[in-house]
C-alpha atoms as a PDB file:
ATOM      1  CA  MET A   1       0.332   0.016  -0.150  1.00  0.00           C
ATOM      2  CA  LEU A   2       1.198   3.284  -1.126  1.00  0.00           C
ATOM      3  CA  GLY A   3       1.259   6.855   1.160  1.00  0.00           C
ATOM      4  CA  ASP A   4       0.097   7.256   4.282  1.00  0.00           C
ATOM      5  CA  PRO A   5      -4.033   6.468   3.934  1.00  0.00           C
ATOM      6  CA  ILE A   6      -5.478   9.884   3.563  1.00  0.00           C
ATOM      7  CA  VAL A   7      -3.347  12.997   2.435  1.00  0.00           C
ATOM      8  CA  ILE A   8      -5.026  16.050   1.839  1.00  0.00           C
ATOM      9  CA  GLN A   9      -2.745  19.105   0.391  1.00  0.00           C
ATOM     10  CA  SER A  10      -3.683  22.840  -0.004  1.00  0.00           C
ATOM     11  CA  LEU A  11      -6.978  21.761  -0.393  1.00  0.00           C
ATOM     12  CA  THR A  12      -9.644  24.612  -1.204  1.00  0.00           C
ATOM     13  CA  LYS A  13     -13.520  24.665  -2.486  1.00  0.00           C
ATOM     14  CA  ASP A  14     -15.491  27.568  -3.644  1.00  0.00           C
ATOM     15  CA  PHE A  15     -19.403  28.338  -3.911  1.00  0.00           C
ATOM     16  CA  ASN A  16     -19.712  31.237  -5.292  1.00  0.00           C
ATOM     17  CA  GLY A  17     -16.995  33.432  -3.969  1.00  0.00           C
ATOM     18  CA  PHE A  18     -17.715  31.761  -0.571  1.00  0.00           C
ATOM     19  CA  ARG A  19     -15.077  29.372   0.327  1.00  0.00           C
ATOM     20  CA  ALA A  20     -15.903  26.721   2.365  1.00  0.00           C
ATOM     21  CA  VAL A  21     -12.817  24.630   2.293  1.00  0.00           C
ATOM     22  CA  ASP A  22      -9.284  27.431   2.694  1.00  0.00           C
ATOM     23  CA  ASP A  23      -6.026  25.942   1.600  1.00  0.00           C
ATOM     24  CA  LEU A  24      -6.756  22.497   4.142  1.00  0.00           C
ATOM     25  CA  SER A  25      -3.638  20.448   4.739  1.00  0.00           C
ATOM     26  CA  LEU A  26      -4.228  17.359   6.409  1.00  0.00           C
ATOM     27  CA  THR A  27      -1.784  13.810   6.651  1.00  0.00           C
ATOM     28  CA  VAL A  28      -4.085  10.913   8.206  1.00  0.00           C
ATOM     29  CA  ARG A  29      -1.967   7.942   9.592  1.00  0.00           C
ATOM     30  CA  GLN A  30      -1.965   4.597   8.992  1.00  0.00           C
ATOM     31  CA  GLY A  31      -4.178   2.761  11.841  1.00  0.00           C
ATOM     32  CA  SER A  32      -5.623   6.236  13.600  1.00  0.00           C
ATOM     33  CA  PHE A  33      -9.450   7.098  14.557  1.00  0.00           C
ATOM     34  CA  LEU A  34      -9.353  11.013  13.467  1.00  0.00           C
ATOM     35  CA  GLY A  35     -11.850  13.072  14.751  1.00  0.00           C
ATOM     36  CA  PHE A  36     -12.429  15.888  12.497  1.00  0.00           C
ATOM     37  CA  LEU A  37     -13.406  18.946  14.440  1.00  0.00           C
ATOM     38  CA  GLY A  38     -15.412  21.763  13.778  1.00  0.00           C
ATOM     39  CA  PRO A  39     -18.987  23.424  14.438  1.00  0.00           C
ATOM     40  CA  ASN A  40     -21.514  23.500  11.411  1.00  0.00           C
ATOM     41  CA  GLY A  41     -20.801  25.272   8.233  1.00  0.00           C
ATOM     42  CA  ALA A  42     -16.842  24.369   9.057  1.00  0.00           C
ATOM     43  CA  GLY A  43     -16.394  23.124   6.212  1.00  0.00           C
ATOM     44  CA  LYS A  44     -15.965  19.462   6.998  1.00  0.00           C
ATOM     45  CA  THR A  45     -18.702  17.871   5.013  1.00  0.00           C
ATOM     46  CA  THR A  46     -17.532  19.655   1.931  1.00  0.00           C
ATOM     47  CA  THR A  47     -14.158  18.130   2.643  1.00  0.00           C
ATOM     48  CA  ILE A  48     -15.595  14.607   2.501  1.00  0.00           C
ATOM     49  CA  LYS A  49     -17.171  15.265   0.386  1.00  0.00           C
ATOM     50  CA  ILE A  50     -13.732  16.530  -2.003  1.00  0.00           C
ATOM     51  CA  LEU A  51     -12.571  13.056  -0.737  1.00  0.00           C
ATOM     52  CA  THR A  52     -15.471  10.572  -1.166  1.00  0.00           C
ATOM     53  CA  ASN A  53     -15.693  12.508  -5.438  1.00  0.00           C
ATOM     54  CA  LEU A  54     -18.733  13.467  -4.591  1.00  0.00           C
ATOM     55  CA  LEU A  55     -17.533  17.219  -5.474  1.00  0.00           C
ATOM     56  CA  SER A  56     -14.581  18.533  -7.263  1.00  0.00           C
ATOM     57  CA  ALA A  57     -12.078  20.658  -5.501  1.00  0.00           C
ATOM     58  CA  SER A  58     -11.415  24.553  -6.451  1.00  0.00           C
ATOM     59  CA  GLY A  59      -7.446  24.009  -6.052  1.00  0.00           C
ATOM     60  CA  GLY A  60      -5.284  21.473  -4.128  1.00  0.00           C
ATOM     61  CA  SER A  61      -5.537  17.451  -4.067  1.00  0.00           C
ATOM     62  CA  ALA A  62      -6.544  14.748  -2.137  1.00  0.00           C
ATOM     63  CA  SER A  63      -5.306  11.270  -1.797  1.00  0.00           C
ATOM     64  CA  LEU A  64      -6.372   7.590   0.020  1.00  0.00           C
ATOM     65  CA  ASN A  65      -3.694   5.266  -0.354  1.00  0.00           C
ATOM     66  CA  GLY A  66      -1.405   7.261  -2.159  1.00  0.00           C
ATOM     67  CA  ILE A  67      -3.811   7.451  -5.265  1.00  0.00           C
ATOM     68  CA  ASP A  68      -4.975  10.321  -6.447  1.00  0.00           C
ATOM     69  CA  VAL A  69      -9.419  10.742  -5.623  1.00  0.00           C
ATOM     70  CA  VAL A  70      -9.803  13.165  -8.613  1.00  0.00           C
ATOM     71  CA  GLN A  71      -7.316  11.511 -11.582  1.00  0.00           C
ATOM     72  CA  HIS A  72      -8.452   8.075 -10.489  1.00  0.00           C
ATOM     73  CA  PRO A  73     -11.514   8.275  -8.440  1.00  0.00           C
ATOM     74  CA  LYS A  74     -12.499   4.258  -8.691  1.00  0.00           C
ATOM     75  CA  GLU A  75      -8.992   3.154  -7.649  1.00  0.00           C
ATOM     76  CA  ALA A  76      -8.254   5.288  -5.082  1.00  0.00           C
ATOM     77  CA  LEU A  77     -12.185   4.150  -3.655  1.00  0.00           C
ATOM     78  CA  ALA A  78     -11.367   0.974  -3.782  1.00  0.00           C
ATOM     79  CA  GLN A  79     -10.477   0.116  -0.416  1.00  0.00           C
ATOM     80  CA  VAL A  80     -12.312   2.553   0.938  1.00  0.00           C
ATOM     81  CA  GLY A  81     -15.614   2.750   3.226  1.00  0.00           C
ATOM     82  CA  ALA A  82     -18.212   5.794   3.572  1.00  0.00           C
ATOM     83  CA  VAL A  83     -21.650   6.951   5.230  1.00  0.00           C
ATOM     84  CA  VAL A  84     -21.817  10.694   3.685  1.00  0.00           C
ATOM     85  CA  GLU A  85     -24.457  12.465   5.571  1.00  0.00           C
ATOM     86  CA  THR A  86     -27.889  11.209   6.299  1.00  0.00           C
ATOM     87  CA  PRO A  87     -28.035   7.759   4.860  1.00  0.00           C
ATOM     88  CA  GLU A  88     -31.021   6.291   3.043  1.00  0.00           C
ATOM     89  CA  PHE A  89     -31.939   2.998   1.914  1.00  0.00           C
ATOM     90  CA  TYR A  90     -34.746   1.279  -0.295  1.00  0.00           C
ATOM     91  CA  PRO A  91     -37.453   0.638   2.486  1.00  0.00           C
ATOM     92  CA  TYR A  92     -38.563  -2.382   1.518  1.00  0.00           C
ATOM     93  CA  LEU A  93     -35.606  -3.930   1.650  1.00  0.00           C
ATOM     94  CA  THR A  94     -34.082  -5.975   4.555  1.00  0.00           C
ATOM     95  CA  PRO A  95     -30.366  -5.481   6.052  1.00  0.00           C
ATOM     96  CA  ASN A  96     -29.398  -9.082   4.498  1.00  0.00           C
ATOM     97  CA  GLU A  97     -31.023  -8.133   1.188  1.00  0.00           C
ATOM     98  CA  THR A  98     -29.853  -4.491   1.192  1.00  0.00           C
ATOM     99  CA  LEU A  99     -25.920  -5.758   1.780  1.00  0.00           C
ATOM    100  CA  ALA A 100     -26.325  -8.436  -0.565  1.00  0.00           C
ATOM    101  CA  TYR A 101     -27.100  -5.674  -3.566  1.00  0.00           C
ATOM    102  CA  LEU A 102     -24.537  -3.174  -1.942  1.00  0.00           C
ATOM    103  CA  GLY A 103     -21.744  -6.138  -2.033  1.00  0.00           C
ATOM    104  CA  GLU A 104     -22.761  -7.149  -5.901  1.00  0.00           C
ATOM    105  CA  ILE A 105     -22.199  -3.775  -7.015  1.00  0.00           C
ATOM    106  CA  ARG A 106     -19.293  -3.958  -5.534  1.00  0.00           C
ATOM    107  CA  GLY A 107     -17.877  -6.849  -7.434  1.00  0.00           C
ATOM    108  CA  MET A 108     -17.742  -9.083  -4.412  1.00  0.00           C
ATOM    109  CA  SER A 109     -18.827 -12.586  -4.782  1.00  0.00           C
ATOM    110  CA  LYS A 110     -21.476 -14.193  -3.000  1.00  0.00           C
ATOM    111  CA  GLU A 111     -19.164 -16.210  -0.616  1.00  0.00           C
ATOM    112  CA  ASP A 112     -17.617 -13.173   0.361  1.00  0.00           C
ATOM    113  CA  ILE A 113     -20.871 -11.238   0.531  1.00  0.00           C
ATOM    114  CA  SER A 114     -22.588 -14.075   2.800  1.00  0.00           C
ATOM    115  CA  ARG A 115     -19.718 -13.770   5.259  1.00  0.00           C
ATOM    116  CA  ARG A 116     -19.124 -10.344   5.710  1.00  0.00           C
ATOM    117  CA  THR A 117     -22.841  -9.454   6.080  1.00  0.00           C
ATOM    118  CA  LYS A 118     -22.672 -11.895   9.145  1.00  0.00           C
ATOM    119  CA  VAL A 119     -19.553 -10.595  10.218  1.00  0.00           C
ATOM    120  CA  VAL A 120     -20.354  -6.440   9.787  1.00  0.00           C
ATOM    121  CA  LEU A 121     -24.457  -7.468  11.285  1.00  0.00           C
ATOM    122  CA  GLU A 122     -22.256  -8.772  14.229  1.00  0.00           C
ATOM    123  CA  THR A 123     -20.173  -5.581  14.436  1.00  0.00           C
ATOM    124  CA  VAL A 124     -23.239  -3.169  14.484  1.00  0.00           C
ATOM    125  CA  LYS A 125     -25.631  -4.951  17.011  1.00  0.00           C
ATOM    126  CA  MET A 126     -28.261  -5.607  14.020  1.00  0.00           C
ATOM    127  CA  THR A 127     -28.150  -9.725  13.659  1.00  0.00           C
ATOM    128  CA  GLU A 128     -31.183  -9.963  14.643  1.00  0.00           C
ATOM    129  CA  TRP A 129     -33.010  -7.466  12.864  1.00  0.00           C
ATOM    130  CA  ALA A 130     -30.908  -9.619   9.855  1.00  0.00           C
ATOM    131  CA  ASP A 131     -34.713  -9.669   7.794  1.00  0.00           C
ATOM    132  CA  LYS A 132     -36.435  -7.299   9.025  1.00  0.00           C
ATOM    133  CA  ARG A 133     -37.819  -4.433   6.756  1.00  0.00           C
ATOM    134  CA  ILE A 134     -35.324  -1.239   6.937  1.00  0.00           C
ATOM    135  CA  GLY A 135     -38.469   0.948   6.400  1.00  0.00           C
ATOM    136  CA  LYS A 136     -39.570   0.169  10.192  1.00  0.00           C
ATOM    137  CA  PHE A 137     -36.550   0.989  11.461  1.00  0.00           C
ATOM    138  CA  SER A 138     -35.213   3.658  13.547  1.00  0.00           C
ATOM    139  CA  LYS A 139     -32.540   6.359  12.225  1.00  0.00           C
ATOM    140  CA  GLY A 140     -29.956   5.123  14.540  1.00  0.00           C
ATOM    141  CA  MET A 141     -30.711   1.787  13.465  1.00  0.00           C
ATOM    142  CA  LYS A 142     -30.580   2.928   9.596  1.00  0.00           C
ATOM    143  CA  GLN A 143     -27.149   4.373  11.054  1.00  0.00           C
ATOM    144  CA  ARG A 144     -25.750   1.255  12.300  1.00  0.00           C
ATOM    145  CA  VAL A 145     -27.129  -0.667   8.912  1.00  0.00           C
ATOM    146  CA  ALA A 146     -24.940   2.569   7.130  1.00  0.00           C
ATOM    147  CA  ILE A 147     -21.727   1.704   9.414  1.00  0.00           C
ATOM    148  CA  ALA A 148     -22.388  -1.851   8.175  1.00  0.00           C
ATOM    149  CA  GLN A 149     -22.485  -1.294   4.620  1.00  0.00           C
ATOM    150  CA  ALA A 150     -19.129   1.054   5.049  1.00  0.00           C
ATOM    151  CA  MET A 151     -17.106  -2.213   6.319  1.00  0.00           C
ATOM    152  CA  LEU A 152     -19.210  -4.859   4.212  1.00  0.00           C
ATOM    153  CA  HIS A 153     -15.731  -4.825   1.457  1.00  0.00           C
ATOM    154  CA  GLU A 154     -13.235  -5.129   4.143  1.00  0.00           C
ATOM    155  CA  PRO A 155     -11.795  -1.467   3.261  1.00  0.00           C
ATOM    156  CA  SER A 156      -8.555  -0.182   5.075  1.00  0.00           C
ATOM    157  CA  VAL A 157     -10.062   3.237   5.084  1.00  0.00           C
ATOM    158  CA  ILE A 158     -13.637   4.691   6.645  1.00  0.00           C
ATOM    159  CA  ILE A 159     -14.978   7.600   6.403  1.00  0.00           C
ATOM    160  CA  LEU A 160     -18.035   8.931   8.635  1.00  0.00           C
ATOM    161  CA  ASP A 161     -19.749  11.937   7.880  1.00  0.00           C
ATOM    162  CA  GLU A 162     -21.264  12.687  11.773  1.00  0.00           C
ATOM    163  CA  PRO A 163     -22.785   9.737  12.233  1.00  0.00           C
ATOM    164  CA  THR A 164     -24.383  10.668  15.264  1.00  0.00           C
ATOM    165  CA  SER A 165     -25.863  13.432  13.942  1.00  0.00           C
ATOM    166  CA  GLY A 166     -29.819  13.384  14.549  1.00  0.00           C
ATOM    167  CA  LEU A 167     -30.103  10.434  16.926  1.00  0.00           C
ATOM    168  CA  ASP A 168     -31.547  10.278  20.175  1.00  0.00           C
ATOM    169  CA  PRO A 169     -29.383   9.454  23.112  1.00  0.00           C
ATOM    170  CA  ARG A 170     -29.858   5.575  22.865  1.00  0.00           C
ATOM    171  CA  GLY A 171     -28.935   5.816  18.987  1.00  0.00           C
ATOM    172  CA  MET A 172     -26.199   8.135  20.015  1.00  0.00           C
ATOM    173  CA  TYR A 173     -24.938   5.911  22.279  1.00  0.00           C
ATOM    174  CA  GLU A 174     -25.127   2.742  20.595  1.00  0.00           C
ATOM    175  CA  VAL A 175     -23.710   4.343  17.318  1.00  0.00           C
ATOM    176  CA  ARG A 176     -20.728   5.422  20.411  1.00  0.00           C
ATOM    177  CA  GLU A 177     -20.016   1.558  21.410  1.00  0.00           C
ATOM    178  CA  ILE A 178     -19.728   0.348  18.086  1.00  0.00           C
ATOM    179  CA  LEU A 179     -16.966   3.329  16.645  1.00  0.00           C
ATOM    180  CA  SER A 180     -15.128   2.593  19.847  1.00  0.00           C
ATOM    181  CA  GLU A 181     -15.448  -1.640  18.641  1.00  0.00           C
ATOM    182  CA  LEU A 182     -14.299  -0.089  15.415  1.00  0.00           C
ATOM    183  CA  LYS A 183     -11.345   1.676  17.002  1.00  0.00           C
ATOM    184  CA  LYS A 184      -9.998  -2.171  18.176  1.00  0.00           C
ATOM    185  CA  GLN A 185     -10.187  -2.997  14.589  1.00  0.00           C
ATOM    186  CA  ASP A 186      -7.287  -2.423  11.670  1.00  0.00           C
ATOM    187  CA  TYR A 187      -9.061   0.307   9.791  1.00  0.00           C
ATOM    188  CA  THR A 188      -8.209   4.228   9.655  1.00  0.00           C
ATOM    189  CA  ILE A 189     -11.121   6.049  10.097  1.00  0.00           C
ATOM    190  CA  PHE A 190     -11.578   9.601   9.874  1.00  0.00           C
ATOM    191  CA  MET A 191     -15.035  10.681  11.393  1.00  0.00           C
ATOM    192  CA  SER A 192     -16.133  14.322  11.526  1.00  0.00           C
ATOM    193  CA  SER A 193     -17.987  15.505  14.481  1.00  0.00           C
ATOM    194  CA  HIS A 194     -19.140  18.629  16.048  1.00  0.00           C
ATOM    195  CA  LEU A 195     -19.389  17.063  19.322  1.00  0.00           C
ATOM    196  CA  LEU A 196     -16.301  17.675  21.358  1.00  0.00           C
ATOM    197  CA  ASN A 197     -17.045  15.245  23.915  1.00  0.00           C
ATOM    198  CA  GLU A 198     -17.427  12.491  21.329  1.00  0.00           C
ATOM    199  CA  VAL A 199     -14.408  12.610  19.605  1.00  0.00           C
ATOM    200  CA  GLN A 200     -12.563  13.462  23.386  1.00  0.00           C
ATOM    201  CA  GLU A 201     -14.019   9.744  23.669  1.00  0.00           C
ATOM    202  CA  VAL A 202     -13.495   7.813  21.391  1.00  0.00           C
ATOM    203  CA  CYS A 203     -10.759   9.212  18.833  1.00  0.00           C
ATOM    204  CA  SER A 204      -6.879   8.875  18.954  1.00  0.00           C
ATOM    205  CA  ASP A 205      -6.296  11.786  17.055  1.00  0.00           C
ATOM    206  CA  VAL A 206      -8.346  14.703  16.464  1.00  0.00           C
ATOM    207  CA  ALA A 207      -8.136  17.737  13.992  1.00  0.00           C
ATOM    208  CA  LEU A 208      -9.459  20.990  14.284  1.00  0.00           C
ATOM    209  CA  ILE A 209     -11.186  22.744  11.572  1.00  0.00           C
ATOM    210  CA  ASN A 210     -12.782  26.599  11.440  1.00  0.00           C
ATOM    211  CA  ARG A 211     -14.280  28.115   8.425  1.00  0.00           C
ATOM    212  CA  GLY A 212     -12.760  25.821   6.127  1.00  0.00           C
ATOM    213  CA  ARG A 213      -9.201  26.413   7.650  1.00  0.00           C
ATOM    214  CA  LEU A 214      -7.559  23.866  10.071  1.00  0.00           C
ATOM    215  CA  LEU A 215      -6.840  25.146  13.831  1.00  0.00           C
ATOM    216  CA  LYS A 216      -4.739  22.596  15.107  1.00  0.00           C
ATOM    217  CA  THR A 217      -4.031  18.672  14.755  1.00  0.00           C
ATOM    218  CA  GLY A 218      -2.347  16.022  17.075  1.00  0.00           C
ATOM    219  CA  SER A 219      -3.332  12.938  19.269  1.00  0.00           C
ATOM    220  CA  VAL A 220      -6.555  13.516  21.695  1.00  0.00           C
ATOM    221  CA  GLU A 221      -3.408  13.227  24.198  1.00  0.00           C
ATOM    222  CA  GLU A 222      -1.043  16.204  22.710  1.00  0.00           C
ATOM    223  CA  LEU A 223      -4.250  18.151  22.324  1.00  0.00           C
ATOM    224  CA  LEU A 224      -5.296  18.105  26.214  1.00  0.00           C
ATOM    225  CA  GLU A 225      -1.909  18.416  27.248  1.00  0.00           C
ATOM    226  CA  GLN A 226      -1.989  21.759  25.960  1.00  0.00           C
ATOM    227  CA  ALA A 227      -5.294  22.589  26.913  1.00  0.00           C
ATOM    228  CA  SER A 228      -4.367  24.709  30.097  1.00  0.00           C
ATOM    229  CA  VAL A 229      -8.135  25.296  31.503  1.00  0.00           C
ATOM    230  CA  LYS A 230      -9.660  22.678  33.078  1.00  0.00           C
ATOM    231  CA  ARG A 231     -12.746  22.593  34.180  1.00  0.00           C
ATOM    232  CA  ILE A 232     -13.233  20.744  37.863  1.00  0.00           C
ATOM    233  CA  GLU A 233     -16.354  19.392  39.685  1.00  0.00           C
ATOM    234  CA  VAL A 234     -16.159  18.803  42.984  1.00  0.00           C
ATOM    235  CA  ARG A 235     -18.866  16.764  45.864  1.00  0.00           C
ATOM    236  CA  THR A 236     -18.766  17.822  49.454  1.00  0.00           C
ATOM    237  CA  ILE A 237     -20.262  16.510  52.409  1.00  0.00           C
ATOM    238  CA  GLN A 238     -21.020  19.673  53.153  1.00  0.00           C
ATOM    239  CA  GLN A 239     -23.926  21.572  51.724  1.00  0.00           C
ATOM    240  CA  MET A 240     -23.180  24.695  49.302  1.00  0.00           C
ATOM    241  CA  SER A 241     -23.905  28.277  51.102  1.00  0.00           C
ATOM    242  CA  GLY A 242     -23.139  31.293  49.653  1.00  0.00           C
ATOM    243  CA  GLU A 243     -20.908  32.000  52.320  1.00  0.00           C
ATOM    244  CA  LEU A 244     -19.269  28.748  51.219  1.00  0.00           C
ATOM    245  CA  LEU A 245     -18.781  29.866  47.900  1.00  0.00           C
ATOM    246  CA  ASN A 246     -17.827  32.937  48.201  1.00  0.00           C
ATOM    247  CA  SER A 247     -14.747  31.692  50.384  1.00  0.00           C
ATOM    248  CA  ILE A 248     -14.108  29.513  47.610  1.00  0.00           C
ATOM    249  CA  SER A 249     -14.839  32.066  44.935  1.00  0.00           C
ATOM    250  CA  LYS A 250     -11.608  33.863  46.809  1.00  0.00           C
ATOM    251  CA  ILE A 251      -8.996  31.221  46.440  1.00  0.00           C
ATOM    252  CA  GLU A 252      -6.833  32.507  43.775  1.00  0.00           C
ATOM    253  CA  GLY A 253      -6.852  30.666  40.201  1.00  0.00           C
ATOM    254  CA  VAL A 254     -10.547  29.591  40.708  1.00  0.00           C
ATOM    255  CA  GLN A 255     -12.452  31.364  37.800  1.00  0.00           C
ATOM    256  CA  GLU A 256     -16.505  30.756  36.847  1.00  0.00           C
ATOM    257  CA  LEU A 257     -17.600  29.375  39.826  1.00  0.00           C
ATOM    258  CA  ARG A 258     -20.725  27.804  40.076  1.00  0.00           C
ATOM    259  CA  ALA A 259     -22.916  25.606  42.595  1.00  0.00           C
ATOM    260  CA  SER A 260     -24.522  22.655  40.722  1.00  0.00           C
ATOM    261  CA  GLY A 261     -26.360  20.677  43.687  1.00  0.00           C
ATOM    262  CA  GLU A 262     -26.902  21.157  46.987  1.00  0.00           C
ATOM    263  CA  ASN A 263     -23.158  19.607  47.723  1.00  0.00           C
ATOM    264  CA  GLN A 264     -21.634  19.888  44.177  1.00  0.00           C
ATOM    265  CA  PHE A 265     -19.898  22.636  42.428  1.00  0.00           C
ATOM    266  CA  MET A 266     -17.721  23.889  39.277  1.00  0.00           C
ATOM    267  CA  PHE A 267     -14.860  25.882  38.282  1.00  0.00           C
ATOM    268  CA  SER A 268     -12.570  26.524  35.774  1.00  0.00           C
ATOM    269  CA  LEU A 269      -8.436  26.380  36.731  1.00  0.00           C
ATOM    270  CA  THR A 270      -5.668  26.634  34.560  1.00  0.00           C
ATOM    271  CA  GLY A 271      -2.776  24.902  34.899  1.00  0.00           C
ATOM    272  CA  LYS A 272      -1.853  21.327  34.856  1.00  0.00           C
ATOM    273  CA  ASP A 273      -2.135  18.397  37.375  1.00  0.00           C
ATOM    274  CA  GLN A 274       0.423  20.398  40.093  1.00  0.00           C
ATOM    275  CA  GLU A 275      -2.173  23.315  40.045  1.00  0.00           C
ATOM    276  CA  GLN A 276      -4.887  20.612  40.743  1.00  0.00           C
ATOM    277  CA  ALA A 277      -3.283  19.212  43.656  1.00  0.00           C
ATOM    278  CA  GLN A 278      -2.909  22.512  45.009  1.00  0.00           C
ATOM    279  CA  MET A 279      -6.015  23.468  44.732  1.00  0.00           C
ATOM    280  CA  LEU A 280      -7.484  20.330  46.122  1.00  0.00           C
ATOM    281  CA  LEU A 281      -5.165  21.607  49.601  1.00  0.00           C
ATOM    282  CA  ARG A 282      -6.455  25.054  49.633  1.00  0.00           C
ATOM    283  CA  LEU A 283     -10.265  23.571  49.041  1.00  0.00           C
ATOM    284  CA  GLN A 284      -9.774  20.828  52.563  1.00  0.00           C
ATOM    285  CA  SER A 285      -7.883  23.885  54.400  1.00  0.00           C
ATOM    286  CA  LEU A 286     -11.433  25.278  54.217  1.00  0.00           C
ATOM    287  CA  GLY A 287     -13.396  22.792  56.242  1.00  0.00           C
ATOM    288  CA  LEU A 288     -14.025  21.194  52.886  1.00  0.00           C
ATOM    289  CA  ASN A 289     -15.545  17.430  53.259  1.00  0.00           C
ATOM    290  CA  VAL A 290     -14.260  16.469  49.447  1.00  0.00           C
ATOM    291  CA  VAL A 291     -15.885  13.056  48.375  1.00  0.00           C
ATOM    292  CA  SER A 292     -14.722  13.418  45.067  1.00  0.00           C
ATOM    293  CA  TYR A 293     -12.502  15.972  42.811  1.00  0.00           C
ATOM    294  CA  LYS A 294     -12.602  15.572  38.940  1.00  0.00           C
ATOM    295  CA  GLU A 295     -11.887  16.704  35.772  1.00  0.00           C
ATOM    296  CA  SER A 296     -15.359  16.851  33.656  1.00  0.00           C
ATOM    297  CA  GLY A 297     -14.103  16.821  30.630  1.00  0.00           C
ATOM    298  CA  LEU A 298     -14.318  19.891  28.956  1.00  0.00           C
ATOM    299  CA  ALA A 299     -10.644  20.548  28.594  1.00  0.00           C
ATOM    300  CA  LEU A 300     -10.608  19.963  24.553  1.00  0.00           C
ATOM    301  CA  GLU A 301     -13.433  22.589  24.733  1.00  0.00           C
ATOM    302  CA  SER A 302     -11.213  24.686  25.899  1.00  0.00           C
ATOM    303  CA  LEU A 303      -8.732  24.643  23.584  1.00  0.00           C
ATOM    304  CA  TYR A 304     -11.078  24.720  20.552  1.00  0.00           C
ATOM    305  CA  MET A 305     -12.920  28.014  21.939  1.00  0.00           C
ATOM    306  CA  SER A 306      -9.896  29.607  22.153  1.00  0.00           C
ATOM    307  CA  LEU A 307      -8.227  28.662  19.128  1.00  0.00           C
ATOM    308  CA  ILE A 308     -11.582  29.655  17.439  1.00  0.00           C
ATOM    309  CA  LYS A 309     -11.593  33.213  19.030  1.00  0.00           C
ATOM    310  CA  ASP A 310      -7.923  33.838  17.288  1.00  0.00           C
ATOM    311  CA  SER A 311      -8.888  32.424  14.301  1.00  0.00           C
ATOM    312  CA  ARG A 312     -11.342  35.203  13.815  1.00  0.00           C
END
């Protein structure tokens, strides 16, 4: 296999004078699960549509496994599975029939279709629905069938465009469980999302994008290391009085303090592990009996918001 799984170089896309993708360069490393993160309208779907040859670029290039998507789309996409925007299927077909049909279009043998259908439906937890008509499925179930078809031909690269978009909480949870399962397998995954917690939870790498421009890229760990503002959640035995909160607010380094329950409060803190440890000691010195003291998983958000602010 040639080159990195996904290489985007100086990519631009203009729509009637509006630049949706602006000089974007990004390399996705082999075996990684990259979260392509940005707000709605940041240029994520446009980039994915160029990668999957559904749109042509105004400039720059994109290649998959070392093959140029524009010049050789069929060869470039042969080893790629994708779910772009909201998937729709023939409602009167079952998952088994749908996958047989799509496998045939891809030129797979009947034996391979049968073998892979069993595997992929198991992976997306749809085995018991294999012979039920898709028209009766919830949006989350359809999304699971969509992920199954993306995996059917054993691609090396999977591209997912906001796979949990529009799903109810249960549907989101089920799809994220499947994404976590895919992460353990031998795929390179490129997933767009506007949900910070989703990317923090399931991805190994992240690329932050805004207004079509790349703001930052790296492993989730590296970026979390750079996020110096942490959101801390504290639960105590004591009930939180106005007097106690007032005392906490006066501790050096405490910002954006607010009560989040009778005996819970949250605040922002600039710094890393050392500062967090010091802060815990200071809270205890106020006489607080701390039951739990933890980061509330918004570190990536603080970094992202500061980068968006700087990019305006």
